Amino acid sequence: MSAANKELTMRIQERNTALLAERQWKNLYEDIKRDKQEVVKRLQDLQMQVNVMEHQVEETMVICEERVNKERMLLLELEERHQAAMTRARDYMVEQEKDVVH
């Protein structure tokens, strides 16, 4: 083989190697780009799930606060009734003592 043919063969091999390397970089870039899109999509899905869960937690908190407030109101009402009953009992006892004394 002549020197010119060897030179030509080396240049063709270099060019083929360069083209192969370029193809590999492009494939790698496309793989990374696709992976990034998948990750972004997954993050968006997860964010939507978080938003739904936050809404559910907020609803649950509102329901719990309403129940606590109802329980507080019931407790206050029961305490008022108890105090009224105690007052009536004391008044009755005072009246009974007055009747016993007279």
PDB file of N, CA and C in Angstrom:
ATOM      1  N   MET A   1       0.848  -1.165   0.000  1.00  0.00           N
ATOM      2  CA  MET A   1       0.000   0.000   0.000  1.00  0.00           C
ATOM      3  C   MET A   1       0.898   1.233   0.000  1.00  0.00           C
ATOM      4  N   SER A   2       0.477   2.195  -0.767  1.00  0.00           N
ATOM      5  CA  SER A   2       1.295   3.397  -0.883  1.00  0.00           C
ATOM      6  C   SER A   2       1.051   4.318   0.305  1.00  0.00           C
ATOM      7  N   ALA A   3       1.946   5.245   0.449  1.00  0.00           N
ATOM      8  CA  ALA A   3       1.857   6.198   1.559  1.00  0.00           C
ATOM      9  C   ALA A   3       0.582   7.027   1.440  1.00  0.00           C
ATOM     10  N   ALA A   4       0.197   7.371   0.210  1.00  0.00           N
ATOM     11  CA  ALA A   4      -1.010   8.169  -0.009  1.00  0.00           C
ATOM     12  C   ALA A   4      -2.245   7.370   0.412  1.00  0.00           C
ATOM     13  N   ASN A   5      -2.258   6.088   0.087  1.00  0.00           N
ATOM     14  CA  ASN A   5      -3.395   5.240   0.470  1.00  0.00           C
ATOM     15  C   ASN A   5      -3.462   5.081   1.989  1.00  0.00           C
ATOM     16  N   LYS A   6      -2.286   4.905   2.614  1.00  0.00           N
ATOM     17  CA  LYS A   6      -2.246   4.798   4.071  1.00  0.00           C
ATOM     18  C   LYS A   6      -2.776   6.078   4.716  1.00  0.00           C
ATOM     19  N   GLU A   7      -2.347   7.205   4.155  1.00  0.00           N
ATOM     20  CA  GLU A   7      -2.797   8.512   4.662  1.00  0.00           C
ATOM     21  C   GLU A   7      -4.305   8.639   4.507  1.00  0.00           C
ATOM     22  N   LEU A   8      -4.820   8.263   3.358  1.00  0.00           N
ATOM     23  CA  LEU A   8      -6.242   8.336   3.080  1.00  0.00           C
ATOM     24  C   LEU A   8      -7.014   7.405   4.020  1.00  0.00           C
ATOM     25  N   THR A   9      -6.499   6.196   4.212  1.00  0.00           N
ATOM     26  CA  THR A   9      -7.133   5.228   5.107  1.00  0.00           C
ATOM     27  C   THR A   9      -7.160   5.760   6.536  1.00  0.00           C
ATOM     28  N   MET A  10      -6.072   6.367   6.999  1.00  0.00           N
ATOM     29  CA  MET A  10      -6.019   6.938   8.351  1.00  0.00           C
ATOM     30  C   MET A  10      -7.017   8.076   8.501  1.00  0.00           C
ATOM     31  N   ARG A  11      -7.118   8.921   7.475  1.00  0.00           N
ATOM     32  CA  ARG A  11      -8.067  10.048   7.538  1.00  0.00           C
ATOM     33  C   ARG A  11      -9.502   9.534   7.575  1.00  0.00           C
ATOM     34  N   ILE A  12      -9.791   8.499   6.789  1.00  0.00           N
ATOM     35  CA  ILE A  12     -11.139   7.922   6.778  1.00  0.00           C
ATOM     36  C   ILE A  12     -11.444   7.319   8.159  1.00  0.00           C
ATOM     37  N   GLN A  13     -10.478   6.627   8.744  1.00  0.00           N
ATOM     38  CA  GLN A  13     -10.671   6.056  10.070  1.00  0.00           C
ATOM     39  C   GLN A  13     -10.863   7.150  11.121  1.00  0.00           C
ATOM     40  N   GLU A  14     -10.089   8.226  11.016  1.00  0.00           N
ATOM     41  CA  GLU A  14     -10.241   9.343  11.948  1.00  0.00           C
ATOM     42  C   GLU A  14     -11.624   9.968  11.814  1.00  0.00           C
ATOM     43  N   ARG A  15     -12.054  10.138  10.554  1.00  0.00           N
ATOM     44  CA  ARG A  15     -13.371  10.728  10.302  1.00  0.00           C
ATOM     45  C   ARG A  15     -14.469   9.810  10.844  1.00  0.00           C
ATOM     46  N   ASN A  16     -14.337   8.527  10.583  1.00  0.00           N
ATOM     47  CA  ASN A  16     -15.330   7.570  11.093  1.00  0.00           C
ATOM     48  C   ASN A  16     -15.361   7.575  12.624  1.00  0.00           C
ATOM     49  N   THR A  17     -14.194   7.642  13.229  1.00  0.00           N
ATOM     50  CA  THR A  17     -14.108   7.695  14.683  1.00  0.00           C
ATOM     51  C   THR A  17     -14.767   8.968  15.207  1.00  0.00           C
ATOM     52  N   ALA A  18     -14.497  10.089  14.536  1.00  0.00           N
ATOM     53  CA  ALA A  18     -15.097  11.366  14.938  1.00  0.00           C
ATOM     54  C   ALA A  18     -16.623  11.317  14.776  1.00  0.00           C
ATOM     55  N   LEU A  19     -17.110  10.739  13.682  1.00  0.00           N
ATOM     56  CA  LEU A  19     -18.550  10.624  13.462  1.00  0.00           C
ATOM     57  C   LEU A  19     -19.195   9.716  14.512  1.00  0.00           C
ATOM     58  N   LEU A  20     -18.509   8.621  14.839  1.00  0.00           N
ATOM     59  CA  LEU A  20     -19.009   7.711  15.858  1.00  0.00           C
ATOM     60  C   LEU A  20     -19.090   8.406  17.215  1.00  0.00           C
ATOM     61  N   ALA A  21     -18.033   9.148  17.542  1.00  0.00           N
ATOM     62  CA  ALA A  21     -18.017   9.878  18.813  1.00  0.00           C
ATOM     63  C   ALA A  21     -19.140  10.910  18.837  1.00  0.00           C
ATOM     64  N   GLU A  22     -19.354  11.596  17.718  1.00  0.00           N
ATOM     65  CA  GLU A  22     -20.421  12.596  17.640  1.00  0.00           C
ATOM     66  C   GLU A  22     -21.787  11.929  17.820  1.00  0.00           C
ATOM     67  N   ARG A  23     -22.009  10.782  17.194  1.00  0.00           N
ATOM     68  CA  ARG A  23     -23.255  10.052  17.337  1.00  0.00           C
ATOM     69  C   ARG A  23     -23.476   9.618  18.788  1.00  0.00           C
ATOM     70  N   GLN A  24     -22.394   9.159  19.405  1.00  0.00           N
ATOM     71  CA  GLN A  24     -22.506   8.740  20.800  1.00  0.00           C
ATOM     72  C   GLN A  24     -22.868   9.911  21.704  1.00  0.00           C
ATOM     73  N   TRP A  25     -22.260  11.077  21.467  1.00  0.00           N
ATOM     74  CA  TRP A  25     -22.596  12.273  22.252  1.00  0.00           C
ATOM     75  C   TRP A  25     -24.050  12.680  22.032  1.00  0.00           C
ATOM     76  N   LYS A  26     -24.488  12.621  20.749  1.00  0.00           N
ATOM     77  CA  LYS A  26     -25.883  12.973  20.459  1.00  0.00           C
ATOM     78  C   LYS A  26     -26.836  12.008  21.146  1.00  0.00           C
ATOM     79  N   ASN A  27     -26.521  10.715  21.102  1.00  0.00           N
ATOM     80  CA  ASN A  27     -27.364   9.724  21.782  1.00  0.00           C
ATOM     81  C   ASN A  27     -27.379   9.963  23.289  1.00  0.00           C
ATOM     82  N   LEU A  28     -26.222  10.245  23.850  1.00  0.00           N
ATOM     83  CA  LEU A  28     -26.136  10.533  25.275  1.00  0.00           C
ATOM     84  C   LEU A  28     -26.961  11.767  25.624  1.00  0.00           C
ATOM     85  N   TYR A  29     -26.854  12.811  24.794  1.00  0.00           N
ATOM     86  CA  TYR A  29     -27.622  14.040  25.004  1.00  0.00           C
ATOM     87  C   TYR A  29     -29.124  13.735  24.965  1.00  0.00           C
ATOM     88  N   GLU A  30     -29.554  12.957  23.978  1.00  0.00           N
ATOM     89  CA  GLU A  30     -30.973  12.613  23.862  1.00  0.00           C
ATOM     90  C   GLU A  30     -31.434  11.777  25.061  1.00  0.00           C
ATOM     91  N   ASP A  31     -30.588  10.869  25.515  1.00  0.00           N
ATOM     92  CA  ASP A  31     -30.919  10.077  26.703  1.00  0.00           C
ATOM     93  C   ASP A  31     -31.093  10.981  27.920  1.00  0.00           C
ATOM     94  N   ILE A  32     -30.161  11.901  28.095  1.00  0.00           N
ATOM     95  CA  ILE A  32     -30.228  12.831  29.231  1.00  0.00           C
ATOM     96  C   ILE A  32     -31.462  13.719  29.119  1.00  0.00           C
ATOM     97  N   LYS A  33     -31.737  14.189  27.916  1.00  0.00           N
ATOM     98  CA  LYS A  33     -32.903  15.039  27.684  1.00  0.00           C
ATOM     99  C   LYS A  33     -34.190  14.275  28.013  1.00  0.00           C
ATOM    100  N   ARG A  34     -34.301  13.032  27.587  1.00  0.00           N
ATOM    101  CA  ARG A  34     -35.474  12.208  27.863  1.00  0.00           C
ATOM    102  C   ARG A  34     -35.589  11.937  29.366  1.00  0.00           C
ATOM    103  N   ASP A  35     -34.452  11.619  29.996  1.00  0.00           N
ATOM    104  CA  ASP A  35     -34.467  11.385  31.450  1.00  0.00           C
ATOM    105  C   ASP A  35     -34.925  12.629  32.190  1.00  0.00           C
ATOM    106  N   LYS A  36     -34.450  13.781  31.742  1.00  0.00           N
ATOM    107  CA  LYS A  36     -34.835  15.040  32.384  1.00  0.00           C
ATOM    108  C   LYS A  36     -36.341  15.258  32.239  1.00  0.00           C
ATOM    109  N   GLN A  37     -36.880  15.009  31.067  1.00  0.00           N
ATOM    110  CA  GLN A  37     -38.316  15.178  30.850  1.00  0.00           C
ATOM    111  C   GLN A  37     -39.116  14.235  31.743  1.00  0.00           C
ATOM    112  N   GLU A  38     -38.632  13.004  31.884  1.00  0.00           N
ATOM    113  CA  GLU A  38     -39.311  12.039  32.750  1.00  0.00           C
ATOM    114  C   GLU A  38     -39.267  12.495  34.212  1.00  0.00           C
ATOM    115  N   VAL A  39     -38.124  13.018  34.626  1.00  0.00           N
ATOM    116  CA  VAL A  39     -37.980  13.493  36.002  1.00  0.00           C
ATOM    117  C   VAL A  39     -38.896  14.693  36.237  1.00  0.00           C
ATOM    118  N   VAL A  40     -38.938  15.615  35.290  1.00  0.00           N
ATOM    119  CA  VAL A  40     -39.806  16.794  35.427  1.00  0.00           C
ATOM    120  C   VAL A  40     -41.266  16.353  35.500  1.00  0.00           C
ATOM    121  N   LYS A  41     -41.662  15.423  34.657  1.00  0.00           N
ATOM    122  CA  LYS A  41     -43.034  14.915  34.677  1.00  0.00           C
ATOM    123  C   LYS A  41     -43.339  14.251  36.018  1.00  0.00           C
ATOM    124  N   ARG A  42     -42.412  13.457  36.506  1.00  0.00           N
ATOM    125  CA  ARG A  42     -42.609  12.778  37.796  1.00  0.00           C
ATOM    126  C   ARG A  42     -42.713  13.802  38.930  1.00  0.00           C
ATOM    127  N   LEU A  43     -41.874  14.834  38.887  1.00  0.00           N
ATOM    128  CA  LEU A  43     -41.947  15.885  39.911  1.00  0.00           C
ATOM    129  C   LEU A  43     -43.286  16.616  39.863  1.00  0.00           C
ATOM    130  N   GLN A  44     -43.780  16.868  38.655  1.00  0.00           N
ATOM    131  CA  GLN A  44     -45.080  17.526  38.523  1.00  0.00           C
ATOM    132  C   GLN A  44     -46.182  16.640  39.098  1.00  0.00           C
ATOM    133  N   ASP A  45     -46.117  15.345  38.795  1.00  0.00           N
ATOM    134  CA  ASP A  45     -47.106  14.413  39.349  1.00  0.00           C
ATOM    135  C   ASP A  45     -47.036  14.390  40.876  1.00  0.00           C
ATOM    136  N   LEU A  46     -45.821  14.350  41.403  1.00  0.00           N
ATOM    137  CA  LEU A  46     -45.654  14.343  42.858  1.00  0.00           C
ATOM    138  C   LEU A  46     -46.165  15.635  43.481  1.00  0.00           C
ATOM    139  N   GLN A  47     -45.923  16.761  42.814  1.00  0.00           N
ATOM    140  CA  GLN A  47     -46.410  18.044  43.325  1.00  0.00           C
ATOM    141  C   GLN A  47     -47.931  18.053  43.364  1.00  0.00           C
ATOM    142  N   MET A  48     -48.556  17.478  42.340  1.00  0.00           N
ATOM    143  CA  MET A  48     -50.013  17.397  42.327  1.00  0.00           C
ATOM    144  C   MET A  48     -50.501  16.536  43.493  1.00  0.00           C
ATOM    145  N   GLN A  49     -49.812  15.431  43.756  1.00  0.00           N
ATOM    146  CA  GLN A  49     -50.188  14.569  44.869  1.00  0.00           C
ATOM    147  C   GLN A  49     -50.037  15.315  46.195  1.00  0.00           C
ATOM    148  N   VAL A  50     -48.961  16.067  46.331  1.00  0.00           N
ATOM    149  CA  VAL A  50     -48.741  16.850  47.551  1.00  0.00           C
ATOM    150  C   VAL A  50     -49.860  17.878  47.713  1.00  0.00           C
ATOM    151  N   ASN A  51     -50.234  18.535  46.620  1.00  0.00           N
ATOM    152  CA  ASN A  51     -51.306  19.530  46.686  1.00  0.00           C
ATOM    153  C   ASN A  51     -52.624  18.893  47.128  1.00  0.00           C
ATOM    154  N   VAL A  52     -52.929  17.718  46.583  1.00  0.00           N
ATOM    155  CA  VAL A  52     -54.158  17.006  46.965  1.00  0.00           C
ATOM    156  C   VAL A  52     -54.101  16.640  48.449  1.00  0.00           C
ATOM    157  N   MET A  53     -52.960  16.136  48.886  1.00  0.00           N
ATOM    158  CA  MET A  53     -52.814  15.752  50.293  1.00  0.00           C
ATOM    159  C   MET A  53     -52.911  16.964  51.204  1.00  0.00           C
ATOM    160  N   GLU A  54     -52.312  18.085  50.812  1.00  0.00           N
ATOM    161  CA  GLU A  54     -52.425  19.302  51.618  1.00  0.00           C
ATOM    162  C   GLU A  54     -53.881  19.722  51.749  1.00  0.00           C
ATOM    163  N   HIS A  55     -54.618  19.647  50.649  1.00  0.00           N
ATOM    164  CA  HIS A  55     -56.037  20.009  50.676  1.00  0.00           C
ATOM    165  C   HIS A  55     -56.810  19.085  51.616  1.00  0.00           C
ATOM    166  N   GLN A  56     -56.508  17.788  51.541  1.00  0.00           N
ATOM    167  CA  GLN A  56     -57.182  16.832  52.425  1.00  0.00           C
ATOM    168  C   GLN A  56     -56.857  17.116  53.893  1.00  0.00           C
ATOM    169  N   VAL A  57     -55.609  17.439  54.170  1.00  0.00           N
ATOM    170  CA  VAL A  57     -55.208  17.755  55.545  1.00  0.00           C
ATOM    171  C   VAL A  57     -55.932  19.010  56.027  1.00  0.00           C
ATOM    172  N   GLU A  58     -56.009  20.022  55.152  1.00  0.00           N
ATOM    173  CA  GLU A  58     -56.706  21.252  55.527  1.00  0.00           C
ATOM    174  C   GLU A  58     -58.176  20.969  55.837  1.00  0.00           C
ATOM    175  N   GLU A  59     -58.816  20.151  54.986  1.00  0.00           N
ATOM    176  CA  GLU A  59     -60.220  19.806  55.221  1.00  0.00           C
ATOM    177  C   GLU A  59     -60.373  19.068  56.550  1.00  0.00           C
ATOM    178  N   THR A  60     -59.465  18.140  56.803  1.00  0.00           N
ATOM    179  CA  THR A  60     -59.515  17.376  58.049  1.00  0.00           C
ATOM    180  C   THR A  60     -59.328  18.291  59.248  1.00  0.00           C
ATOM    181  N   MET A  61     -58.405  19.248  59.132  1.00  0.00           N
ATOM    182  CA  MET A  61     -58.177  20.186  60.230  1.00  0.00           C
ATOM    183  C   MET A  61     -59.421  21.027  60.490  1.00  0.00           C
ATOM    184  N   VAL A  62     -60.075  21.469  59.435  1.00  0.00           N
ATOM    185  CA  VAL A  62     -61.293  22.271  59.598  1.00  0.00           C
ATOM    186  C   VAL A  62     -62.359  21.446  60.303  1.00  0.00           C
ATOM    187  N   ILE A  63     -62.523  20.200  59.877  1.00  0.00           N
ATOM    188  CA  ILE A  63     -63.520  19.328  60.504  1.00  0.00           C
ATOM    189  C   ILE A  63     -63.181  19.121  61.978  1.00  0.00           C
ATOM    190  N   CYS A  64     -61.912  18.871  62.262  1.00  0.00           N
ATOM    191  CA  CYS A  64     -61.495  18.669  63.661  1.00  0.00           C
ATOM    192  C   CYS A  64     -61.712  19.923  64.491  1.00  0.00           C
ATOM    193  N   GLU A  65     -61.384  21.082  63.930  1.00  0.00           N
ATOM    194  CA  GLU A  65     -61.601  22.333  64.661  1.00  0.00           C
ATOM    195  C   GLU A  65     -63.084  22.548  64.941  1.00  0.00           C
ATOM    196  N   GLU A  66     -63.929  22.221  63.958  1.00  0.00           N
ATOM    197  CA  GLU A  66     -65.365  22.355  64.169  1.00  0.00           C
ATOM    198  C   GLU A  66     -65.830  21.431  65.288  1.00  0.00           C
ATOM    199  N   ARG A  67     -65.328  20.190  65.281  1.00  0.00           N
ATOM    200  CA  ARG A  67     -65.710  19.242  66.334  1.00  0.00           C
ATOM    201  C   ARG A  67     -65.236  19.719  67.701  1.00  0.00           C
ATOM    202  N   VAL A  68     -64.012  20.220  67.762  1.00  0.00           N
ATOM    203  CA  VAL A  68     -63.473  20.722  69.032  1.00  0.00           C
ATOM    204  C   VAL A  68     -64.314  21.894  69.516  1.00  0.00           C
ATOM    205  N   ASN A  69     -64.659  22.792  68.602  1.00  0.00           N
ATOM    206  CA  ASN A  69     -65.483  23.945  68.994  1.00  0.00           C
ATOM    207  C   ASN A  69     -66.853  23.500  69.501  1.00  0.00           C
ATOM    208  N   LYS A  70     -67.451  22.499  68.832  1.00  0.00           N
ATOM    209  CA  LYS A  70     -68.748  21.976  69.301  1.00  0.00           C
ATOM    210  C   LYS A  70     -68.597  21.370  70.689  1.00  0.00           C
ATOM    211  N   GLU A  71     -67.512  20.613  70.889  1.00  0.00           N
ATOM    212  CA  GLU A  71     -67.275  20.006  72.201  1.00  0.00           C
ATOM    213  C   GLU A  71     -67.078  21.077  73.269  1.00  0.00           C
ATOM    214  N   ARG A  72     -66.374  22.138  72.933  1.00  0.00           N
ATOM    215  CA  ARG A  72     -66.176  23.238  73.887  1.00  0.00           C
ATOM    216  C   ARG A  72     -67.513  23.881  74.253  1.00  0.00           C
ATOM    217  N   MET A  73     -68.322  24.110  73.222  1.00  0.00           N
ATOM    218  CA  MET A  73     -69.624  24.730  73.481  1.00  0.00           C
ATOM    219  C   MET A  73     -70.481  23.814  74.354  1.00  0.00           C
ATOM    220  N   LEU A  74     -70.458  22.519  74.066  1.00  0.00           N
ATOM    221  CA  LEU A  74     -71.219  21.562  74.869  1.00  0.00           C
ATOM    222  C   LEU A  74     -70.701  21.542  76.300  1.00  0.00           C
ATOM    223  N   LEU A  75     -69.383  21.555  76.447  1.00  0.00           N
ATOM    224  CA  LEU A  75     -68.789  21.569  77.783  1.00  0.00           C
ATOM    225  C   LEU A  75     -69.205  22.822  78.548  1.00  0.00           C
ATOM    226  N   LEU A  76     -69.152  23.981  77.869  1.00  0.00           N
ATOM    227  CA  LEU A  76     -69.585  25.227  78.529  1.00  0.00           C
ATOM    228  C   LEU A  76     -71.049  25.142  78.941  1.00  0.00           C
ATOM    229  N   GLU A  77     -71.879  24.608  78.058  1.00  0.00           N
ATOM    230  CA  GLU A  77     -73.303  24.485  78.377  1.00  0.00           C
ATOM    231  C   GLU A  77     -73.503  23.547  79.571  1.00  0.00           C
ATOM    232  N   LEU A  78     -72.779  22.440  79.579  1.00  0.00           N
ATOM    233  CA  LEU A  78     -72.901  21.498  80.700  1.00  0.00           C
ATOM    234  C   LEU A  78     -72.393  22.113  81.996  1.00  0.00           C
ATOM    235  N   GLU A  79     -71.313  22.887  81.912  1.00  0.00           N
ATOM    236  CA  GLU A  79     -70.802  23.561  83.109  1.00  0.00           C
ATOM    237  C   GLU A  79     -71.820  24.570  83.632  1.00  0.00           C
ATOM    238  N   GLU A  80     -72.475  25.300  82.726  1.00  0.00           N
ATOM    239  CA  GLU A  80     -73.494  26.264  83.137  1.00  0.00           C
ATOM    240  C   GLU A  80     -74.679  25.552  83.795  1.00  0.00           C
ATOM    241  N   ARG A  81     -75.092  24.431  83.185  1.00  0.00           N
ATOM    242  CA  ARG A  81     -76.193  23.656  83.782  1.00  0.00           C
ATOM    243  C   ARG A  81     -75.798  23.134  85.167  1.00  0.00           C
ATOM    244  N   HIS A  82     -74.576  22.661  85.267  1.00  0.00           N
ATOM    245  CA  HIS A  82     -74.098  22.147  86.554  1.00  0.00           C
ATOM    246  C   HIS A  82     -74.100  23.253  87.604  1.00  0.00           C
ATOM    247  N   GLN A  83     -73.585  24.409  87.220  1.00  0.00           N
ATOM    248  CA  GLN A  83     -73.567  25.537  88.161  1.00  0.00           C
ATOM    249  C   GLN A  83     -74.992  25.923  88.565  1.00  0.00           C
ATOM    250  N   ALA A  84     -75.897  25.943  87.593  1.00  0.00           N
ATOM    251  CA  ALA A  84     -77.292  26.287  87.900  1.00  0.00           C
ATOM    252  C   ALA A  84     -77.893  25.251  88.837  1.00  0.00           C
ATOM    253  N   ALA A  85     -77.611  23.980  88.599  1.00  0.00           N
ATOM    254  CA  ALA A  85     -78.134  22.918  89.463  1.00  0.00           C
ATOM    255  C   ALA A  85     -77.546  23.053  90.867  1.00  0.00           C
ATOM    256  N   MET A  86     -76.264  23.342  90.960  1.00  0.00           N
ATOM    257  CA  MET A  86     -75.627  23.511  92.267  1.00  0.00           C
ATOM    258  C   MET A  86     -76.232  24.697  93.003  1.00  0.00           C
ATOM    259  N   THR A  87     -76.486  25.771  92.289  1.00  0.00           N
ATOM    260  CA  THR A  87     -77.092  26.958  92.900  1.00  0.00           C
ATOM    261  C   THR A  87     -78.493  26.623  93.410  1.00  0.00           C
ATOM    262  N   ARG A  88     -79.257  25.921  92.575  1.00  0.00           N
ATOM    263  CA  ARG A  88     -80.610  25.530  93.009  1.00  0.00           C
ATOM    264  C   ARG A  88     -80.548  24.617  94.229  1.00  0.00           C
ATOM    265  N   ALA A  89     -79.580  23.700  94.241  1.00  0.00           N
ATOM    266  CA  ALA A  89     -79.435  22.784  95.385  1.00  0.00           C
ATOM    267  C   ALA A  89     -79.083  23.563  96.646  1.00  0.00           C
ATOM    268  N   ARG A  90     -78.147  24.521  96.524  1.00  0.00           N
ATOM    269  CA  ARG A  90     -77.782  25.350  97.692  1.00  0.00           C
ATOM    270  C   ARG A  90     -78.978  26.152  98.168  1.00  0.00           C
ATOM    271  N   ASP A  91     -79.687  26.764  97.222  1.00  0.00           N
ATOM    272  CA  ASP A  91     -80.870  27.556  97.597  1.00  0.00           C
ATOM    273  C   ASP A  91     -81.916  26.677  98.289  1.00  0.00           C
ATOM    274  N   TYR A  92     -82.100  25.477  97.776  1.00  0.00           N
ATOM    275  CA  TYR A  92     -83.058  24.551  98.383  1.00  0.00           C
ATOM    276  C   TYR A  92     -82.633  24.187  99.801  1.00  0.00           C
ATOM    277  N   MET A  93     -81.329  23.920  99.946  1.00  0.00           N
ATOM    278  CA  MET A  93     -80.818  23.571 101.274  1.00  0.00           C
ATOM    279  C   MET A  93     -80.981  24.741 102.240  1.00  0.00           C
ATOM    280  N   VAL A  94     -80.740  25.945 101.772  1.00  0.00           N
ATOM    281  CA  VAL A  94     -80.925  27.129 102.625  1.00  0.00           C
ATOM    282  C   VAL A  94     -82.389  27.241 103.029  1.00  0.00           C
ATOM    283  N   GLU A  95     -83.296  27.041 102.081  1.00  0.00           N
ATOM    284  CA  GLU A  95     -84.728  27.110 102.378  1.00  0.00           C
ATOM    285  C   GLU A  95     -85.118  26.026 103.379  1.00  0.00           C
ATOM    286  N   GLN A  96     -84.563  24.839 103.187  1.00  0.00           N
ATOM    287  CA  GLN A  96     -84.868  23.739 104.115  1.00  0.00           C
ATOM    288  C   GLN A  96     -84.380  24.069 105.526  1.00  0.00           C
ATOM    289  N   GLU A  97     -83.192  24.675 105.617  1.00  0.00           N
ATOM    290  CA  GLU A  97     -82.660  25.044 106.931  1.00  0.00           C
ATOM    291  C   GLU A  97     -83.552  26.118 107.578  1.00  0.00           C
ATOM    292  N   LYS A  98     -84.039  27.051 106.773  1.00  0.00           N
ATOM    293  CA  LYS A  98     -84.933  28.089 107.309  1.00  0.00           C
ATOM    294  C   LYS A  98     -86.224  27.468 107.829  1.00  0.00           C
ATOM    295  N   ASP A  99     -86.740  26.494 107.064  1.00  0.00           N
ATOM    296  CA  ASP A  99     -88.000  25.828 107.494  1.00  0.00           C
ATOM    297  C   ASP A  99     -87.777  25.037 108.771  1.00  0.00           C
ATOM    298  N   VAL A 100     -86.593  24.422 108.926  1.00  0.00           N
ATOM    299  CA  VAL A 100     -86.284  23.642 110.113  1.00  0.00           C
ATOM    300  C   VAL A 100     -86.154  24.572 111.298  1.00  0.00           C
ATOM    301  N   VAL A 101     -85.538  25.728 111.097  1.00  0.00           N
ATOM    302  CA  VAL A 101     -85.315  26.671 112.176  1.00  0.00           C
ATOM    303  C   VAL A 101     -86.641  27.274 112.613  1.00  0.00           C
ATOM    304  N   HIS A 102     -87.574  27.537 111.771  1.00  0.00           N
ATOM    305  CA  HIS A 102     -88.846  28.181 112.144  1.00  0.00           C
ATOM    306  C   HIS A 102     -89.761  27.208 112.702  1.00  0.00           C
TER     307      HIS A 102
END
